[in-house]
Every structure is written in structure tokens, then in C-alpha cells.
Protein backbone atom coordinates (compact mmCIF):
# COMPACT_ATOMS: atom_id res chain seq x y z
CA MET A 1 0.00 0.00 0.00
CA PHE A 2 0.99 3.63 -0.37
CA LYS A 3 1.57 6.34 2.18
CA LYS A 4 -1.55 8.22 3.15
CA SER A 5 -0.20 11.35 1.48
CA ALA A 6 -0.26 9.65 -1.90
CA LEU A 7 -3.15 9.34 -4.29
CA ASN A 8 -4.02 6.27 -3.48
CA ASN A 9 4.59 -10.38 -21.11
CA ASP A 10 1.31 -10.91 -21.50
CA LEU A 11 -1.50 -8.57 -22.19
CA ASN A 12 -3.80 -11.33 -23.28
CA SER A 13 -6.96 -10.25 -21.48
CA GLY A 14 -9.43 -7.98 -23.20
CA SER A 15 -9.83 -7.63 -26.97
CA LYS A 16 -8.46 -4.10 -27.00
CA PHE A 17 -5.01 -5.34 -26.07
CA SER A 18 -5.10 -8.86 -27.46
CA ASN A 19 -2.21 -8.18 -29.83
CA THR A 20 -0.06 -6.16 -27.46
CA GLN A 21 2.50 -7.01 -24.84
CA VAL A 22 4.25 -5.18 -22.06
CA THR A 23 7.65 -6.65 -22.71
CA GLU A 24 10.99 -6.92 -20.95
CA GLU A 25 13.90 -9.07 -22.06
CA LYS A 26 12.89 -11.70 -24.62
CA GLN A 27 15.55 -14.05 -23.34
CA ALA A 28 16.48 -13.02 -19.82
CA PRO A 29 19.81 -14.25 -18.44
CA GLU A 30 19.79 -17.02 -15.89
CA GLU A 31 18.18 -15.71 -12.74
CA ALA A 32 20.73 -13.86 -10.67
CA ASP A 33 21.01 -14.03 -6.92
CA ILE A 34 21.19 -10.26 -6.63
CA LYS A 35 20.33 -10.20 -2.91
CA LEU A 36 18.43 -6.94 -3.02
CA VAL A 37 18.13 -5.17 0.31
CA ASP A 38 14.58 -4.56 1.49
CA ASN A 39 13.57 -0.90 1.48
CA LYS A 40 11.95 -1.33 4.91
CA ASP A 41 13.88 1.59 6.40
CA LYS A 42 12.06 3.84 3.92
CA LYS A 43 15.38 5.42 2.93
CA PHE A 44 13.87 6.50 -0.36
CA MET A 45 10.11 6.98 -0.65
CA LYS A 46 9.91 9.12 -3.76
CA ALA A 47 11.52 9.36 -7.19
CA VAL A 48 11.60 12.58 -9.19
CA MET A 49 11.92 11.70 -12.86
CA GLU A 50 13.03 14.48 -15.17
CA THR A 51 12.05 13.97 -18.81
CA ASN A 52 12.19 16.19 -21.88
CA LYS A 53 8.41 16.50 -21.49
CA GLY A 54 8.52 17.61 -17.84
CA THR A 55 8.82 16.23 -14.33
CA ILE A 56 7.06 13.16 -12.92
CA GLU A 57 7.04 12.50 -9.16
CA ILE A 58 6.50 8.92 -8.07
CA GLU A 59 5.81 7.76 -4.52
CA PHE A 60 6.91 4.20 -3.84
CA SER A 61 4.74 1.45 -2.44
CA THR A 62 5.60 0.00 0.96
CA ALA A 63 4.32 -3.41 -0.17
CA THR A 64 7.10 -4.07 -2.72
CA PRO A 65 10.46 -3.49 -1.00
CA LYS A 66 12.55 -5.64 -3.34
CA THR A 67 11.16 -3.96 -6.45
CA VAL A 68 11.61 -0.49 -4.98
CA GLU A 69 15.17 -1.34 -3.98
CA ASN A 70 15.94 -2.51 -7.51
CA PHE A 71 14.54 0.67 -9.07
CA THR A 72 16.33 2.96 -6.62
CA LYS A 73 19.62 1.08 -7.04
CA LEU A 74 19.47 1.50 -10.80
CA ALA A 75 18.42 5.15 -10.49
CA LYS A 76 21.33 5.91 -8.14
CA GLU A 77 23.73 4.32 -10.63
CA GLY A 78 22.43 6.57 -13.43
CA PHE A 79 21.13 3.51 -15.28
CA TYR A 80 18.00 5.32 -16.46
CA ASP A 81 19.74 8.54 -17.54
CA GLY A 82 19.22 8.96 -21.29
CA VAL A 83 16.80 6.02 -21.55
CA LYS A 84 13.75 6.58 -23.77
CA PHE A 85 10.08 5.75 -23.41
CA HIS A 86 10.11 3.31 -26.32
CA ARG A 87 6.47 2.18 -26.32
CA VAL A 88 3.38 4.35 -25.94
CA ILE A 89 -0.23 3.22 -26.34
CA LYS A 90 -2.88 5.86 -25.78
CA GLY A 91 -5.55 4.76 -23.33
CA PHE A 92 -3.29 2.04 -21.96
CA MET A 93 0.26 2.82 -20.79
CA VAL A 94 3.68 4.37 -21.48
CA GLN A 95 6.72 2.08 -21.21
CA GLY A 96 10.41 2.75 -20.66
CA GLY A 97 13.48 1.50 -18.84
CA ASP A 98 15.31 -0.35 -21.63
CA PRO A 99 19.01 0.68 -21.69
CA LEU A 100 19.26 -0.28 -25.36
CA THR A 101 17.18 2.81 -26.19
CA LYS A 102 20.22 4.98 -25.47
CA ASP A 103 21.65 3.73 -28.76
CA ASP A 104 19.65 4.42 -31.93
CA SER A 105 21.70 1.81 -33.80
CA GLN A 106 20.07 -0.78 -31.51
CA ALA A 107 16.53 0.33 -32.40
CA ALA A 108 15.59 -3.10 -33.75
CA MET A 109 16.24 -4.53 -30.27
CA TRP A 110 14.44 -1.87 -28.24
CA GLY A 111 12.12 -3.49 -25.73
CA THR A 112 14.42 -6.46 -25.12
CA GLY A 113 17.07 -4.91 -22.89
CA GLY A 114 17.58 -4.98 -19.16
CA PRO A 115 20.17 -4.81 -16.37
CA GLY A 116 21.61 -8.28 -16.98
CA TYR A 117 19.60 -10.08 -14.31
CA LYS A 118 15.98 -10.83 -13.42
CA PHE A 119 14.16 -11.00 -10.11
CA ALA A 120 10.91 -12.27 -8.65
CA ASP A 121 7.49 -10.65 -8.69
CA GLU A 122 6.05 -9.06 -5.52
CA ILE A 123 2.36 -9.49 -6.24
CA THR A 124 -0.10 -9.41 -3.34
CA SER A 125 -3.85 -8.94 -3.00
CA THR A 126 -3.29 -5.16 -2.91
CA ASN A 127 -1.52 -5.14 -6.29
CA LYS A 128 -3.66 -2.88 -8.49
CA ASN A 129 -2.70 -1.52 -11.91
CA ASP A 130 -4.86 1.57 -11.47
CA VAL A 131 -4.51 4.85 -13.35
CA GLY A 132 -1.23 6.54 -12.52
CA THR A 133 0.51 3.52 -11.02
CA ILE A 134 3.97 2.44 -12.12
CA SER A 135 4.47 -1.27 -12.68
CA MET A 136 7.21 -3.64 -13.79
CA ALA A 137 7.24 -4.85 -17.39
CA ASN A 138 8.25 -8.46 -17.81
CA ALA A 139 8.44 -11.46 -20.13
CA GLY A 140 6.48 -13.74 -17.81
CA PRO A 141 6.48 -14.64 -14.11
CA ASN A 142 9.57 -13.61 -12.13
CA THR A 143 11.42 -11.98 -15.05
CA ASN A 144 11.58 -8.40 -13.78
CA GLY A 145 14.61 -6.32 -14.69
CA SER A 146 14.64 -2.59 -15.40
CA GLN A 147 11.69 -1.92 -17.69
CA PHE A 148 8.55 -0.34 -16.27
CA PHE A 149 5.31 1.21 -17.44
CA ILE A 150 2.96 3.87 -16.12
CA ASN A 151 -0.71 2.98 -16.42
CA THR A 152 -2.82 5.63 -18.14
CA ALA A 153 -5.99 3.57 -17.70
CA ALA A 154 -7.30 1.12 -15.10
CA ASN A 155 -5.55 -2.01 -16.38
CA ASN A 156 -6.63 -4.34 -13.62
CA PHE A 157 -6.45 -7.40 -15.86
CA LEU A 158 -2.69 -7.05 -15.29
CA ASP A 159 -2.94 -7.21 -11.49
CA THR A 160 -1.83 -10.83 -11.22
CA LYS A 161 1.02 -10.43 -13.72
CA HIS A 162 2.81 -7.12 -13.19
CA THR A 163 4.17 -5.80 -9.88
CA VAL A 164 2.95 -2.30 -9.01
CA PHE A 165 5.67 -0.50 -7.03
CA GLY A 166 4.56 3.12 -6.96
CA LYS A 167 2.14 5.80 -8.04
CA VAL A 168 2.49 9.15 -9.78
CA VAL A 169 1.62 11.84 -7.22
CA LYS A 170 2.60 14.81 -9.38
CA GLY A 171 3.07 15.15 -13.11
CA MET A 172 0.18 13.16 -14.58
CA ASP A 173 -0.06 16.00 -17.10
CA VAL A 174 3.45 15.06 -18.20
CA VAL A 175 2.45 11.40 -18.42
CA ALA A 176 -0.53 12.52 -20.54
CA ALA A 177 1.80 14.49 -22.80
CA ILE A 178 3.91 11.37 -23.30
CA GLU A 179 0.78 9.28 -23.87
CA ASN A 180 -0.42 11.71 -26.54
CA THR A 181 2.85 11.91 -28.42
CA LYS A 182 2.69 10.79 -32.05
CA THR A 183 3.79 7.19 -32.53
CA GLY A 184 4.90 5.07 -35.44
CA ALA A 185 5.60 1.38 -35.99
CA GLY A 186 5.72 -0.69 -32.83
CA ASP A 187 3.97 2.07 -30.86
CA ARG A 188 7.28 3.94 -30.77
CA PRO A 189 7.21 7.73 -30.31
CA VAL A 190 8.18 9.56 -33.49
CA GLU A 191 9.97 12.21 -31.44
CA ALA A 192 12.12 10.79 -28.66
CA VAL A 193 10.78 10.97 -25.10
CA VAL A 194 13.85 10.81 -22.89
CA ILE A 195 14.49 10.37 -19.17
CA LYS A 196 17.10 13.00 -18.33
CA GLY A 197 17.66 11.71 -14.83
CA ILE A 198 16.03 10.43 -11.63
CA THR A 199 16.62 11.83 -8.16
CA LEU A 200 15.52 10.05 -5.00
CA GLU A 201 13.98 11.56 -1.88
């Protein structure tokens, strides 16, 4: 669940999304024993994501400590700096977090990249892919890496498949601007939408 101050690879359910997938690595490396440290001390409870469309503030869930720790670890390392939102579907979600998107020569592989390891889902009865939540993209159970998506609709048919680890508490207008950007083949934005950096609070 979220703090009181907050607003509260298989998309195969529902005809609208029957031919779409929220994808991570197609062939993830052998599962790594990355020994993530639980975020139980609440060291970081918010991420401020600067994009070329504006700023998005995300408050982390207290129900997904491993997932939050992974995201904050990568953010602290600068992993997401320069990464693009490579997949945008209006009325559904905006997806980013693939390091391959830093390199335009790797465009054919965008959507398949990750940090070089995968880790387990943290899905509980409170896991809800509601509007404005941020969730892990994956290629099936327990294949989380670095890719994530922000729900721009209530996508609750994903609740048992994708770990929700935070919620946008400021900047949904920026998310809407990303959602409404013109896209081409593969739901890819025609003009790059780039994460400039992420700071943690």
C-alpha cells in the first residue's frame, strides 16, 4: 500500500489489447542471486523523474520493498539517464526503462534490454494496476529487470502479472503528454521521449 499522502509479457486479457504485450527481455539471463536489500527503512520513498516533457514524481509502495530497492539502485547508478520511453499506447500505458534505447543503432532490439539479471514478482492482494501507477514490465512470471510502465488507464487485468511498485503523485499532465505523443511502428514515439535523470527523496 501507499503512504496516506499519496493518491491512493502478456497482455492477453481484453480484446483491445489482445495483440499487445508489455515486454521486458525476450531471453532473460539465468536468474541472478542479486540479494536486493529490502527498502523497509524507507530510505527512499519518492523518485523525481526528469524527462524532456517535464517532471514526474512517483511515490513508492511499501508493499514491494525488493522492487523499490531494484529501481532505486538503478536510479542511483544513473542507469535510467538517457533512456527513452520506447512504447506508448494511448488509453493504456507508457513504457520505458530499456538501456538499449540509449543507442539508436540498436533500435531493432528496443524493448528487449535490461540490467543483466531478473528478479521475482512481488504481487499481493493489494496489487492494483490503477490509473497513474507504475508497474514492472516483464516477459512472464519472475522476469523483472529494469523496464517499467505507467498505467494511463485502469488495467486491472494485469494485477496478477505485473508488480505495481509506486504511483504518480505529481506530473500526470506530463504522463498525458507522453501518452499523446505521435507514434509510429511498434507504438514507438516519433519524437524521442527521454528520461534525463532520476533523483531520490
